[in-house]
Amino acid sequence: MGITRRSQKLIVGPWIHGPANIDNQFSGDFDFGSDAALNINDLRLPWFDHWAKDAEIGVMDEPPVRIFVMGREDWIIPGTQHTNFYLHGGTIGSANSLNDGTLSTVPPHGAENPASYTYDPANLVPSRGGNTQTIPNGAFSQRDVEVRCLTFTSEPLTEEIEATGHVSAVLYAASSALDTDWVVRVTDVHPDGHSRPIADGILRARYRDFFEKRTLLS
């Protein structure tokens, strides 16, 4: 295992699925700057020269991980600090959505009124970009979609915040249906109102405990 770890490199960038897109500085309708585009052959050829031809060209002297930080438009390897954000009900009117609540690092004090919405399986909320393969994917603005969703918005940022690594959500929810899908999306809202996706995930309610065991809602 130690040998395997030493022989691996990881590159994380803002591209959509497939190596053919790694030389593109665009994802969806957002431009991440010219430094986001990499020439895949400039990466492949030295790698195979090292492992297939025993060429000593310094490939393994390079950093094991390269991460492109969207918004900074450069490559760094950051440190990690886990931060919890909490959803608060109520309407603050900062976004054009069904009920724009608050997103804050301050946990709720006692019970809060729930945020609710009506889900119509005959008129689904569309997916626009994001982590998909069957539709155009990437960082498309969510502003037109959010009018049919619940949103929770933080105060405007006063300094840069870097979000790198695994993002997870703990959701306390109920439904009048026996089964439904819950989607959580983290977005960066620009001053002009465009809402750019950073991370998203989806869970079908029946698989909320285990994927091997189906449990309908009650």
N, C-alpha and C. Protein backbone atom coordinates (compact mmCIF):
# COMPACT_ATOMS: atom_id res chain seq x y z
N MET A 1 0.82 -1.20 0.00
CA MET A 1 0.00 0.00 0.00
C MET A 1 0.86 1.26 0.00
N GLY A 2 2.01 1.23 0.74
CA GLY A 2 2.87 2.39 0.75
C GLY A 2 3.43 2.70 -0.61
N ILE A 3 3.81 1.65 -1.36
CA ILE A 3 4.33 1.85 -2.71
C ILE A 3 3.24 2.41 -3.60
N THR A 4 2.01 1.90 -3.45
CA THR A 4 0.90 2.38 -4.26
C THR A 4 0.64 3.86 -4.02
N ARG A 5 0.64 4.28 -2.77
CA ARG A 5 0.40 5.69 -2.46
C ARG A 5 1.48 6.58 -3.05
N ARG A 6 2.72 6.12 -3.01
CA ARG A 6 3.81 6.94 -3.53
C ARG A 6 3.77 7.06 -5.05
N SER A 7 3.06 6.17 -5.71
CA SER A 7 3.04 6.17 -7.18
C SER A 7 1.78 6.83 -7.74
N GLN A 8 1.06 7.57 -6.91
CA GLN A 8 -0.18 8.20 -7.35
C GLN A 8 -0.08 9.72 -7.31
N LYS A 9 -0.80 10.35 -8.23
CA LYS A 9 -0.95 11.80 -8.24
C LYS A 9 -2.44 12.13 -8.39
N LEU A 10 -2.86 13.23 -7.79
CA LEU A 10 -4.25 13.65 -7.86
C LEU A 10 -4.32 15.09 -8.35
N ILE A 11 -5.18 15.32 -9.36
CA ILE A 11 -5.42 16.66 -9.87
C ILE A 11 -6.91 16.94 -9.79
N VAL A 12 -7.29 18.01 -9.11
CA VAL A 12 -8.69 18.39 -8.93
C VAL A 12 -8.89 19.76 -9.56
N GLY A 13 -9.82 19.85 -10.52
CA GLY A 13 -10.06 21.11 -11.19
C GLY A 13 -11.54 21.35 -11.42
N PRO A 14 -11.90 22.46 -12.05
CA PRO A 14 -13.31 22.85 -12.20
C PRO A 14 -13.98 22.32 -13.45
N TRP A 15 -13.47 21.21 -13.99
CA TRP A 15 -13.97 20.73 -15.27
C TRP A 15 -15.18 19.82 -15.10
N ILE A 16 -15.89 19.61 -16.20
CA ILE A 16 -16.96 18.62 -16.20
C ILE A 16 -16.36 17.26 -16.53
N HIS A 17 -17.19 16.23 -16.62
CA HIS A 17 -16.72 14.85 -16.71
C HIS A 17 -15.96 14.60 -18.01
N GLY A 18 -14.85 13.86 -17.91
CA GLY A 18 -14.13 13.41 -19.09
C GLY A 18 -12.84 14.16 -19.33
N PRO A 19 -11.77 13.45 -19.74
CA PRO A 19 -10.48 14.11 -19.97
C PRO A 19 -10.49 15.10 -21.11
N ALA A 20 -11.47 14.99 -22.03
CA ALA A 20 -11.52 15.91 -23.16
C ALA A 20 -11.84 17.34 -22.72
N ASN A 21 -12.32 17.51 -21.48
CA ASN A 21 -12.72 18.84 -21.01
C ASN A 21 -11.68 19.50 -20.13
N ILE A 22 -10.55 18.83 -19.88
CA ILE A 22 -9.57 19.35 -18.94
C ILE A 22 -8.83 20.56 -19.49
N ASP A 23 -8.86 20.74 -20.83
CA ASP A 23 -8.19 21.89 -21.43
C ASP A 23 -9.12 23.08 -21.60
N ASN A 24 -10.23 23.08 -20.87
CA ASN A 24 -11.26 24.11 -21.01
C ASN A 24 -11.30 24.96 -19.75
N GLN A 25 -11.29 26.27 -19.89
CA GLN A 25 -11.38 27.15 -18.73
C GLN A 25 -12.82 27.48 -18.37
N PHE A 26 -13.78 26.97 -19.15
CA PHE A 26 -15.19 27.21 -18.89
C PHE A 26 -15.84 25.96 -18.30
N SER A 27 -16.78 26.17 -17.38
CA SER A 27 -17.64 25.11 -16.87
C SER A 27 -19.05 25.66 -16.83
N GLY A 28 -19.95 25.05 -17.62
CA GLY A 28 -21.28 25.63 -17.74
C GLY A 28 -21.19 26.99 -18.39
N ASP A 29 -21.76 28.01 -17.75
CA ASP A 29 -21.69 29.36 -18.31
C ASP A 29 -20.77 30.27 -17.50
N PHE A 30 -19.82 29.67 -16.75
CA PHE A 30 -18.87 30.45 -15.97
C PHE A 30 -17.45 30.25 -16.49
N ASP A 31 -16.67 31.32 -16.49
CA ASP A 31 -15.28 31.32 -16.93
C ASP A 31 -14.38 31.34 -15.69
N PHE A 32 -13.55 30.31 -15.53
CA PHE A 32 -12.68 30.21 -14.37
C PHE A 32 -11.26 30.70 -14.63
N GLY A 33 -11.04 31.34 -15.77
CA GLY A 33 -9.73 31.90 -16.05
C GLY A 33 -8.83 30.93 -16.80
N SER A 34 -7.86 31.48 -17.50
CA SER A 34 -7.01 30.66 -18.38
C SER A 34 -6.18 29.64 -17.63
N ASP A 35 -5.86 29.88 -16.35
CA ASP A 35 -5.07 28.92 -15.59
C ASP A 35 -5.83 27.64 -15.29
N ALA A 36 -7.16 27.66 -15.45
CA ALA A 36 -7.95 26.45 -15.20
C ALA A 36 -7.75 25.40 -16.29
N ALA A 37 -7.34 25.81 -17.47
CA ALA A 37 -7.19 24.89 -18.60
C ALA A 37 -5.83 24.21 -18.54
N LEU A 38 -5.83 22.88 -18.59
CA LEU A 38 -4.59 22.10 -18.62
C LEU A 38 -4.52 21.32 -19.92
N ASN A 39 -3.32 21.16 -20.44
CA ASN A 39 -3.10 20.31 -21.61
C ASN A 39 -2.92 18.88 -21.12
N ILE A 40 -3.87 18.01 -21.40
CA ILE A 40 -3.85 16.65 -20.87
C ILE A 40 -2.63 15.88 -21.33
N ASN A 41 -2.16 16.14 -22.56
CA ASN A 41 -0.98 15.42 -23.05
C ASN A 41 0.29 15.87 -22.35
N ASP A 42 0.33 17.13 -21.91
CA ASP A 42 1.48 17.58 -21.13
C ASP A 42 1.56 16.87 -19.79
N LEU A 43 0.45 16.30 -19.33
CA LEU A 43 0.44 15.52 -18.10
C LEU A 43 0.69 14.05 -18.38
N ARG A 44 0.09 13.53 -19.44
CA ARG A 44 0.19 12.11 -19.73
C ARG A 44 1.58 11.68 -20.17
N LEU A 45 2.18 12.43 -21.11
CA LEU A 45 3.44 11.99 -21.71
C LEU A 45 4.57 11.84 -20.69
N PRO A 46 4.82 12.84 -19.84
CA PRO A 46 5.87 12.63 -18.83
C PRO A 46 5.55 11.48 -17.88
N TRP A 47 4.27 11.30 -17.56
CA TRP A 47 3.88 10.22 -16.65
C TRP A 47 4.21 8.86 -17.25
N PHE A 48 3.84 8.65 -18.51
CA PHE A 48 4.12 7.37 -19.15
C PHE A 48 5.60 7.21 -19.47
N ASP A 49 6.30 8.31 -19.75
CA ASP A 49 7.75 8.21 -19.95
C ASP A 49 8.43 7.71 -18.68
N HIS A 50 7.94 8.17 -17.53
CA HIS A 50 8.52 7.75 -16.26
C HIS A 50 8.25 6.28 -15.97
N TRP A 51 6.98 5.85 -16.14
CA TRP A 51 6.61 4.50 -15.73
C TRP A 51 6.83 3.45 -16.82
N ALA A 52 6.75 3.85 -18.08
CA ALA A 52 6.93 2.87 -19.16
C ALA A 52 8.36 2.83 -19.70
N LYS A 53 9.08 3.95 -19.57
CA LYS A 53 10.44 4.03 -20.13
C LYS A 53 11.51 4.26 -19.07
N ASP A 54 11.10 4.30 -17.80
CA ASP A 54 12.04 4.54 -16.70
C ASP A 54 12.81 5.85 -16.87
N ALA A 55 12.16 6.83 -17.47
CA ALA A 55 12.80 8.13 -17.67
C ALA A 55 12.80 8.92 -16.37
N GLU A 56 13.96 9.39 -15.96
CA GLU A 56 14.07 10.19 -14.74
C GLU A 56 13.92 11.66 -15.11
N ILE A 57 12.68 12.14 -15.12
CA ILE A 57 12.39 13.51 -15.56
C ILE A 57 11.70 14.33 -14.47
N GLY A 58 11.75 13.83 -13.25
CA GLY A 58 11.24 14.60 -12.12
C GLY A 58 9.75 14.53 -11.89
N VAL A 59 9.08 13.56 -12.52
CA VAL A 59 7.63 13.46 -12.35
C VAL A 59 7.25 13.24 -10.89
N MET A 60 7.97 12.35 -10.22
CA MET A 60 7.61 12.01 -8.85
C MET A 60 8.08 13.06 -7.85
N ASP A 61 8.83 14.06 -8.31
CA ASP A 61 9.22 15.16 -7.43
C ASP A 61 8.13 16.22 -7.33
N GLU A 62 7.14 16.15 -8.20
CA GLU A 62 6.06 17.12 -8.17
C GLU A 62 5.12 16.84 -7.00
N PRO A 63 4.35 17.84 -6.55
CA PRO A 63 3.43 17.62 -5.42
C PRO A 63 2.45 16.49 -5.70
N PRO A 64 2.09 15.70 -4.69
CA PRO A 64 1.16 14.58 -4.91
C PRO A 64 -0.25 15.03 -5.23
N VAL A 65 -0.62 16.24 -4.82
CA VAL A 65 -1.98 16.74 -5.04
C VAL A 65 -1.91 18.16 -5.58
N ARG A 66 -2.69 18.41 -6.63
CA ARG A 66 -2.86 19.78 -7.15
C ARG A 66 -4.34 20.10 -7.15
N ILE A 67 -4.72 21.20 -6.54
CA ILE A 67 -6.12 21.59 -6.42
C ILE A 67 -6.29 23.00 -6.98
N PHE A 68 -7.22 23.13 -7.92
CA PHE A 68 -7.56 24.44 -8.46
C PHE A 68 -8.69 25.02 -7.64
N VAL A 69 -8.48 26.20 -7.08
CA VAL A 69 -9.48 26.83 -6.23
C VAL A 69 -10.30 27.79 -7.08
N MET A 70 -11.57 27.45 -7.31
CA MET A 70 -12.44 28.29 -8.12
C MET A 70 -12.68 29.62 -7.43
N GLY A 71 -12.60 30.68 -8.19
CA GLY A 71 -12.74 32.02 -7.63
C GLY A 71 -11.40 32.69 -7.44
N ARG A 72 -10.41 31.92 -6.96
CA ARG A 72 -9.05 32.46 -6.86
C ARG A 72 -8.34 32.35 -8.20
N GLU A 73 -8.80 31.40 -9.03
CA GLU A 73 -8.25 31.18 -10.36
C GLU A 73 -6.76 30.86 -10.29
N ASP A 74 -6.39 29.98 -9.35
CA ASP A 74 -5.02 29.51 -9.31
C ASP A 74 -4.99 28.13 -8.66
N TRP A 75 -3.79 27.58 -8.52
CA TRP A 75 -3.60 26.24 -7.98
C TRP A 75 -2.87 26.33 -6.64
N ILE A 76 -3.47 25.76 -5.60
CA ILE A 76 -2.79 25.70 -4.31
C ILE A 76 -3.19 24.40 -3.62
N ILE A 77 -2.52 24.07 -2.54
CA ILE A 77 -2.92 22.95 -1.68
C ILE A 77 -3.27 23.55 -0.32
N PRO A 78 -4.53 23.66 0.01
CA PRO A 78 -4.93 24.36 1.23
C PRO A 78 -4.91 23.46 2.46
N GLY A 79 -4.97 24.08 3.63
CA GLY A 79 -5.23 23.35 4.85
C GLY A 79 -6.72 23.10 4.98
N THR A 80 -7.12 22.37 6.01
CA THR A 80 -8.53 22.01 6.16
C THR A 80 -9.04 22.43 7.53
N GLN A 81 -10.18 23.07 7.55
CA GLN A 81 -10.85 23.42 8.79
C GLN A 81 -12.34 23.17 8.60
N HIS A 82 -12.90 22.26 9.39
CA HIS A 82 -14.31 21.90 9.25
C HIS A 82 -15.19 22.97 9.91
N THR A 83 -16.21 23.40 9.20
CA THR A 83 -17.11 24.44 9.68
C THR A 83 -18.55 23.99 9.50
N ASN A 84 -19.36 24.13 10.53
CA ASN A 84 -20.78 23.79 10.46
C ASN A 84 -21.60 25.04 10.17
N PHE A 85 -22.54 24.90 9.25
CA PHE A 85 -23.52 25.95 8.98
C PHE A 85 -24.91 25.40 9.29
N TYR A 86 -25.78 26.25 9.79
CA TYR A 86 -27.11 25.82 10.21
C TYR A 86 -28.18 26.56 9.41
N LEU A 87 -29.27 25.82 9.11
CA LEU A 87 -30.41 26.39 8.39
C LEU A 87 -31.40 26.97 9.40
N HIS A 88 -31.83 28.20 9.17
CA HIS A 88 -32.81 28.84 10.03
C HIS A 88 -34.02 29.23 9.19
N GLY A 89 -35.21 28.97 9.72
CA GLY A 89 -36.43 29.31 9.02
C GLY A 89 -36.70 30.80 9.03
N GLY A 90 -37.87 31.16 8.49
CA GLY A 90 -38.21 32.57 8.39
C GLY A 90 -37.79 33.13 7.05
N THR A 91 -38.38 34.23 6.67
CA THR A 91 -38.11 34.83 5.37
C THR A 91 -37.35 36.13 5.56
N ILE A 92 -36.19 36.23 4.91
CA ILE A 92 -35.40 37.45 4.99
C ILE A 92 -35.41 38.21 3.67
N GLY A 93 -35.93 37.56 2.60
CA GLY A 93 -36.13 38.26 1.34
C GLY A 93 -34.88 38.57 0.56
N SER A 94 -33.78 37.84 0.81
CA SER A 94 -32.55 38.12 0.07
C SER A 94 -32.45 37.34 -1.22
N ALA A 95 -33.38 36.42 -1.47
CA ALA A 95 -33.36 35.65 -2.71
C ALA A 95 -34.79 35.46 -3.18
N ASN A 96 -34.95 35.34 -4.49
CA ASN A 96 -36.27 35.13 -5.08
C ASN A 96 -36.57 33.64 -5.06
N SER A 97 -37.08 33.15 -3.94
CA SER A 97 -37.35 31.72 -3.78
C SER A 97 -38.64 31.55 -3.01
N LEU A 98 -39.03 30.29 -2.77
CA LEU A 98 -40.27 30.02 -2.05
C LEU A 98 -40.20 30.54 -0.62
N ASN A 99 -39.06 30.38 0.02
CA ASN A 99 -38.92 30.85 1.40
C ASN A 99 -37.44 31.00 1.68
N ASP A 100 -36.93 32.22 1.64
CA ASP A 100 -35.50 32.42 1.80
C ASP A 100 -35.15 32.58 3.27
N GLY A 101 -34.67 31.50 3.87
CA GLY A 101 -34.26 31.53 5.25
C GLY A 101 -32.81 31.97 5.39
N THR A 102 -32.26 31.72 6.58
CA THR A 102 -30.92 32.19 6.91
C THR A 102 -29.96 31.02 7.03
N LEU A 103 -28.74 31.22 6.53
CA LEU A 103 -27.64 30.27 6.69
C LEU A 103 -26.61 30.91 7.60
N SER A 104 -26.28 30.24 8.71
CA SER A 104 -25.42 30.87 9.70
C SER A 104 -24.60 29.81 10.42
N THR A 105 -23.45 30.22 10.95
CA THR A 105 -22.63 29.32 11.77
C THR A 105 -23.15 29.25 13.20
N VAL A 106 -24.17 30.04 13.52
CA VAL A 106 -24.77 30.04 14.86
C VAL A 106 -25.87 28.99 14.91
N PRO A 107 -25.80 28.00 15.81
CA PRO A 107 -26.85 26.98 15.88
C PRO A 107 -28.15 27.57 16.38
N PRO A 108 -29.29 26.95 16.03
CA PRO A 108 -30.58 27.46 16.51
C PRO A 108 -30.73 27.27 18.01
N HIS A 109 -31.45 28.18 18.63
CA HIS A 109 -31.73 28.09 20.06
C HIS A 109 -33.18 27.66 20.23
N GLY A 110 -33.38 26.39 20.55
CA GLY A 110 -34.73 25.88 20.71
C GLY A 110 -35.37 25.57 19.37
N ALA A 111 -36.67 25.28 19.41
CA ALA A 111 -37.41 24.90 18.21
C ALA A 111 -37.64 26.11 17.31
N GLU A 112 -37.58 25.88 16.00
CA GLU A 112 -37.87 26.92 15.02
C GLU A 112 -38.98 26.43 14.11
N ASN A 113 -39.69 27.37 13.53
CA ASN A 113 -40.74 27.00 12.58
C ASN A 113 -40.12 26.35 11.35
N PRO A 114 -40.71 25.25 10.89
CA PRO A 114 -40.14 24.57 9.72
C PRO A 114 -40.40 25.36 8.44
N ALA A 115 -39.52 25.19 7.48
CA ALA A 115 -39.73 25.71 6.13
C ALA A 115 -40.37 24.61 5.31
N SER A 116 -41.42 24.93 4.55
CA SER A 116 -42.15 23.90 3.83
C SER A 116 -42.39 24.33 2.39
N TYR A 117 -42.70 23.35 1.56
CA TYR A 117 -43.01 23.62 0.15
C TYR A 117 -43.90 22.50 -0.37
N THR A 118 -44.54 22.73 -1.50
CA THR A 118 -45.39 21.73 -2.15
C THR A 118 -44.63 21.11 -3.31
N TYR A 119 -44.51 19.80 -3.27
CA TYR A 119 -43.79 19.06 -4.30
C TYR A 119 -44.80 18.39 -5.23
N ASP A 120 -44.69 18.65 -6.52
CA ASP A 120 -45.60 18.09 -7.51
C ASP A 120 -44.79 17.18 -8.44
N PRO A 121 -44.92 15.85 -8.31
CA PRO A 121 -44.14 14.94 -9.17
C PRO A 121 -44.49 15.06 -10.64
N ALA A 122 -45.61 15.70 -10.96
CA ALA A 122 -45.97 15.90 -12.37
C ALA A 122 -45.35 17.18 -12.93
N ASN A 123 -44.72 17.97 -12.07
CA ASN A 123 -44.09 19.21 -12.50
C ASN A 123 -42.80 19.40 -11.71
N LEU A 124 -41.80 18.62 -12.06
CA LEU A 124 -40.57 18.56 -11.29
C LEU A 124 -39.76 19.85 -11.43
N VAL A 125 -39.02 20.17 -10.38
CA VAL A 125 -38.05 21.26 -10.46
C VAL A 125 -36.89 20.78 -11.32
N PRO A 126 -36.55 21.49 -12.38
CA PRO A 126 -35.51 21.00 -13.29
C PRO A 126 -34.12 21.10 -12.68
N SER A 127 -33.23 20.23 -13.15
CA SER A 127 -31.81 20.34 -12.82
C SER A 127 -31.14 21.18 -13.89
N ARG A 128 -30.31 22.09 -13.46
CA ARG A 128 -29.57 22.94 -14.40
C ARG A 128 -28.09 22.85 -14.07
N GLY A 129 -27.37 22.09 -14.90
CA GLY A 129 -25.95 21.91 -14.66
C GLY A 129 -25.71 21.06 -13.42
N GLY A 130 -24.60 21.31 -12.77
CA GLY A 130 -24.26 20.56 -11.57
C GLY A 130 -23.57 19.25 -11.88
N ASN A 131 -23.63 18.33 -10.92
CA ASN A 131 -22.92 17.06 -10.98
C ASN A 131 -23.77 16.02 -11.71
N THR A 132 -23.87 16.14 -13.01
CA THR A 132 -24.67 15.23 -13.82
C THR A 132 -23.90 14.85 -15.07
N GLN A 133 -24.42 13.83 -15.79
CA GLN A 133 -23.83 13.44 -17.06
C GLN A 133 -24.84 13.45 -18.20
N THR A 134 -26.11 13.24 -17.89
CA THR A 134 -27.11 13.07 -18.94
C THR A 134 -27.67 14.38 -19.46
N ILE A 135 -27.39 15.49 -18.79
CA ILE A 135 -27.82 16.80 -19.26
C ILE A 135 -26.59 17.70 -19.26
N PRO A 136 -26.62 18.86 -19.90
CA PRO A 136 -25.46 19.75 -19.82
C PRO A 136 -25.06 20.00 -18.37
N ASN A 137 -23.81 19.68 -18.03
CA ASN A 137 -23.38 19.77 -16.65
C ASN A 137 -22.40 20.91 -16.46
N GLY A 138 -22.01 21.13 -15.22
CA GLY A 138 -21.09 22.21 -14.92
C GLY A 138 -21.75 23.31 -14.12
N ALA A 139 -21.08 24.45 -14.07
CA ALA A 139 -21.50 25.56 -13.19
C ALA A 139 -22.43 26.52 -13.92
N PHE A 140 -23.70 26.15 -14.01
CA PHE A 140 -24.72 27.04 -14.57
C PHE A 140 -25.42 27.80 -13.45
N SER A 141 -25.80 29.03 -13.71
CA SER A 141 -26.50 29.83 -12.71
C SER A 141 -27.82 29.17 -12.31
N GLN A 142 -28.10 29.16 -11.00
CA GLN A 142 -29.30 28.54 -10.46
C GLN A 142 -30.41 29.56 -10.19
N ARG A 143 -30.23 30.80 -10.58
CA ARG A 143 -31.17 31.85 -10.20
C ARG A 143 -32.58 31.55 -10.68
N ASP A 144 -32.72 31.04 -11.91
CA ASP A 144 -34.06 30.77 -12.44
C ASP A 144 -34.70 29.55 -11.78
N VAL A 145 -33.88 28.63 -11.27
CA VAL A 145 -34.41 27.42 -10.62
C VAL A 145 -34.82 27.70 -9.18
N GLU A 146 -34.14 28.59 -8.52
CA GLU A 146 -34.35 28.82 -7.09
C GLU A 146 -35.72 29.41 -6.77
N VAL A 147 -36.42 29.95 -7.76
CA VAL A 147 -37.76 30.49 -7.50
C VAL A 147 -38.72 29.38 -7.09
N ARG A 148 -38.35 28.11 -7.32
CA ARG A 148 -39.21 26.98 -6.96
C ARG A 148 -38.63 26.16 -5.82
N CYS A 149 -37.64 26.69 -5.14
CA CYS A 149 -36.94 25.93 -4.11
C CYS A 149 -36.92 26.70 -2.79
N LEU A 150 -36.56 25.99 -1.73
CA LEU A 150 -36.26 26.63 -0.46
C LEU A 150 -34.79 27.02 -0.46
N THR A 151 -34.49 28.25 -0.10
CA THR A 151 -33.10 28.70 -0.03
C THR A 151 -32.80 29.24 1.36
N PHE A 152 -31.54 29.14 1.73
CA PHE A 152 -31.07 29.66 3.02
C PHE A 152 -29.78 30.42 2.73
N THR A 153 -29.79 31.71 2.97
CA THR A 153 -28.73 32.59 2.51
C THR A 153 -27.98 33.20 3.69
N SER A 154 -26.66 33.21 3.59
CA SER A 154 -25.84 33.83 4.62
C SER A 154 -25.78 35.34 4.42
N GLU A 155 -25.21 36.02 5.38
CA GLU A 155 -24.91 37.44 5.20
C GLU A 155 -23.85 37.59 4.11
N PRO A 156 -23.82 38.73 3.41
CA PRO A 156 -22.76 38.93 2.41
C PRO A 156 -21.38 38.76 3.04
N LEU A 157 -20.50 38.08 2.33
CA LEU A 157 -19.16 37.82 2.86
C LEU A 157 -18.36 39.12 2.91
N THR A 158 -17.64 39.30 4.01
CA THR A 158 -16.78 40.47 4.15
C THR A 158 -15.32 40.15 3.83
N GLU A 159 -15.00 38.87 3.68
CA GLU A 159 -13.67 38.44 3.30
C GLU A 159 -13.78 37.12 2.55
N GLU A 160 -12.71 36.76 1.86
CA GLU A 160 -12.72 35.53 1.08
C GLU A 160 -12.82 34.31 1.98
N ILE A 161 -13.61 33.34 1.55
CA ILE A 161 -13.72 32.05 2.23
C ILE A 161 -13.45 30.96 1.20
N GLU A 162 -12.53 30.07 1.53
CA GLU A 162 -12.24 28.95 0.63
C GLU A 162 -12.93 27.69 1.15
N ALA A 163 -13.69 27.02 0.29
CA ALA A 163 -14.37 25.78 0.65
C ALA A 163 -13.78 24.66 -0.19
N THR A 164 -12.94 23.85 0.43
CA THR A 164 -12.26 22.75 -0.27
C THR A 164 -12.47 21.47 0.53
N GLY A 165 -12.84 20.40 -0.15
CA GLY A 165 -13.00 19.13 0.53
C GLY A 165 -14.43 18.64 0.50
N HIS A 166 -14.72 17.68 1.37
CA HIS A 166 -16.01 17.01 1.39
C HIS A 166 -17.07 17.91 2.04
N VAL A 167 -18.22 18.02 1.38
CA VAL A 167 -19.36 18.78 1.91
C VAL A 167 -20.49 17.80 2.19
N SER A 168 -21.04 17.82 3.38
CA SER A 168 -22.15 16.94 3.73
C SER A 168 -23.25 17.75 4.39
N ALA A 169 -24.46 17.20 4.38
CA ALA A 169 -25.62 17.88 4.96
C ALA A 169 -26.40 16.90 5.83
N VAL A 170 -26.81 17.35 6.99
CA VAL A 170 -27.72 16.61 7.87
C VAL A 170 -29.07 17.30 7.77
N LEU A 171 -30.07 16.59 7.26
CA LEU A 171 -31.37 17.19 6.96
C LEU A 171 -32.44 16.53 7.82
N TYR A 172 -33.20 17.34 8.53
CA TYR A 172 -34.35 16.86 9.29
C TYR A 172 -35.60 17.24 8.50
N ALA A 173 -36.28 16.25 7.96
CA ALA A 173 -37.36 16.53 7.01
C ALA A 173 -38.49 15.54 7.18
N ALA A 174 -39.66 15.94 6.72
CA ALA A 174 -40.85 15.09 6.71
C ALA A 174 -41.60 15.35 5.42
N SER A 175 -42.42 14.37 5.01
CA SER A 175 -43.19 14.50 3.78
C SER A 175 -44.52 13.78 3.93
N SER A 176 -45.54 14.30 3.26
CA SER A 176 -46.83 13.62 3.24
C SER A 176 -46.84 12.46 2.26
N ALA A 177 -45.81 12.33 1.45
CA ALA A 177 -45.69 11.23 0.50
C ALA A 177 -44.91 10.08 1.13
N LEU A 178 -45.07 8.89 0.57
CA LEU A 178 -44.34 7.73 1.06
C LEU A 178 -42.88 7.74 0.64
N ASP A 179 -42.59 8.46 -0.42
CA ASP A 179 -41.22 8.53 -0.91
C ASP A 179 -41.03 9.85 -1.65
N THR A 180 -39.84 10.37 -1.62
CA THR A 180 -39.55 11.62 -2.33
C THR A 180 -38.04 11.73 -2.48
N ASP A 181 -37.59 12.73 -3.20
CA ASP A 181 -36.17 13.01 -3.35
C ASP A 181 -35.84 14.34 -2.69
N TRP A 182 -34.75 14.38 -1.98
CA TRP A 182 -34.25 15.61 -1.39
C TRP A 182 -32.93 15.99 -2.04
N VAL A 183 -32.84 17.22 -2.47
CA VAL A 183 -31.63 17.73 -3.11
C VAL A 183 -31.10 18.90 -2.29
N VAL A 184 -29.82 18.87 -2.00
CA VAL A 184 -29.16 19.97 -1.30
C VAL A 184 -28.06 20.51 -2.21
N ARG A 185 -28.05 21.81 -2.36
CA ARG A 185 -27.06 22.44 -3.25
C ARG A 185 -26.44 23.64 -2.53
N VAL A 186 -25.14 23.74 -2.58
CA VAL A 186 -24.41 24.89 -2.05
C VAL A 186 -24.02 25.77 -3.23
N THR A 187 -24.36 27.05 -3.16
CA THR A 187 -24.06 27.96 -4.27
C THR A 187 -23.37 29.21 -3.76
N ASP A 188 -22.66 29.85 -4.66
CA ASP A 188 -22.03 31.14 -4.41
C ASP A 188 -22.84 32.20 -5.14
N VAL A 189 -23.50 33.08 -4.38
CA VAL A 189 -24.37 34.09 -4.98
C VAL A 189 -23.55 35.34 -5.27
N HIS A 190 -23.49 35.72 -6.53
CA HIS A 190 -22.71 36.88 -6.95
C HIS A 190 -23.50 38.17 -6.71
N PRO A 191 -22.83 39.30 -6.67
CA PRO A 191 -23.55 40.58 -6.48
C PRO A 191 -24.62 40.85 -7.53
N ASP A 192 -24.46 40.30 -8.74
CA ASP A 192 -25.47 40.52 -9.78
C ASP A 192 -26.63 39.54 -9.69
N GLY A 193 -26.63 38.65 -8.67
CA GLY A 193 -27.73 37.73 -8.46
C GLY A 193 -27.52 36.34 -9.01
N HIS A 194 -26.50 36.14 -9.85
CA HIS A 194 -26.24 34.79 -10.35
C HIS A 194 -25.79 33.89 -9.20
N SER A 195 -26.34 32.69 -9.18
CA SER A 195 -26.08 31.74 -8.10
C SER A 195 -25.31 30.56 -8.69
N ARG A 196 -24.00 30.51 -8.43
CA ARG A 196 -23.14 29.50 -9.04
C ARG A 196 -23.00 28.29 -8.13
N PRO A 197 -23.29 27.08 -8.62
CA PRO A 197 -23.20 25.89 -7.77
C PRO A 197 -21.76 25.56 -7.40
N ILE A 198 -21.57 25.18 -6.15
CA ILE A 198 -20.27 24.73 -5.66
C ILE A 198 -20.29 23.22 -5.41
N ALA A 199 -21.36 22.74 -4.80
CA ALA A 199 -21.51 21.31 -4.53
C ALA A 199 -23.00 20.98 -4.49
N ASP A 200 -23.34 19.75 -4.84
CA ASP A 200 -24.73 19.32 -4.75
C ASP A 200 -24.80 17.82 -4.50
N GLY A 201 -25.95 17.40 -3.97
CA GLY A 201 -26.17 15.99 -3.69
C GLY A 201 -27.66 15.71 -3.65
N ILE A 202 -28.02 14.44 -3.85
CA ILE A 202 -29.43 14.04 -3.87
C ILE A 202 -29.59 12.73 -3.11
N LEU A 203 -30.71 12.60 -2.41
CA LEU A 203 -31.01 11.38 -1.67
C LEU A 203 -32.47 11.03 -1.86
N ARG A 204 -32.73 9.80 -2.27
CA ARG A 204 -34.11 9.29 -2.29
C ARG A 204 -34.47 8.83 -0.89
N ALA A 205 -35.63 9.26 -0.41
CA ALA A 205 -35.98 9.06 0.99
C ALA A 205 -35.94 7.59 1.41
N ARG A 206 -36.33 6.69 0.54
CA ARG A 206 -36.38 5.27 0.91
C ARG A 206 -34.99 4.71 1.25
N TYR A 207 -33.93 5.39 0.79
CA TYR A 207 -32.57 4.92 1.05
C TYR A 207 -31.88 5.76 2.12
N ARG A 208 -32.65 6.45 2.97
CA ARG A 208 -32.06 7.37 3.93
C ARG A 208 -31.25 6.65 5.00
N ASP A 209 -31.57 5.39 5.29
CA ASP A 209 -30.82 4.64 6.30
C ASP A 209 -29.69 3.82 5.68
N PHE A 210 -30.06 2.99 4.70
CA PHE A 210 -29.07 2.16 4.01
C PHE A 210 -29.51 2.01 2.56
N PHE A 211 -28.54 1.97 1.66
CA PHE A 211 -28.88 1.75 0.26
C PHE A 211 -29.34 0.31 0.04
N GLU A 212 -28.93 -0.61 0.92
CA GLU A 212 -29.33 -2.00 0.76
C GLU A 212 -30.74 -2.26 1.30
N LYS A 213 -31.28 -1.33 2.09
CA LYS A 213 -32.58 -1.52 2.71
C LYS A 213 -33.49 -0.35 2.36
N ARG A 214 -34.65 -0.66 1.81
CA ARG A 214 -35.61 0.38 1.44
C ARG A 214 -36.63 0.57 2.56
N THR A 215 -36.75 1.80 3.03
CA THR A 215 -37.70 2.12 4.09
C THR A 215 -38.51 3.33 3.66
N LEU A 216 -39.80 3.12 3.40
CA LEU A 216 -40.65 4.23 3.00
C LEU A 216 -40.94 5.15 4.19
N LEU A 217 -41.33 6.36 3.89
CA LEU A 217 -41.69 7.30 4.94
C LEU A 217 -43.02 6.92 5.57
N SER A 218 -43.25 7.38 6.76
CA SER A 218 -44.52 7.07 7.44
C SER A 218 -45.05 8.33 8.11
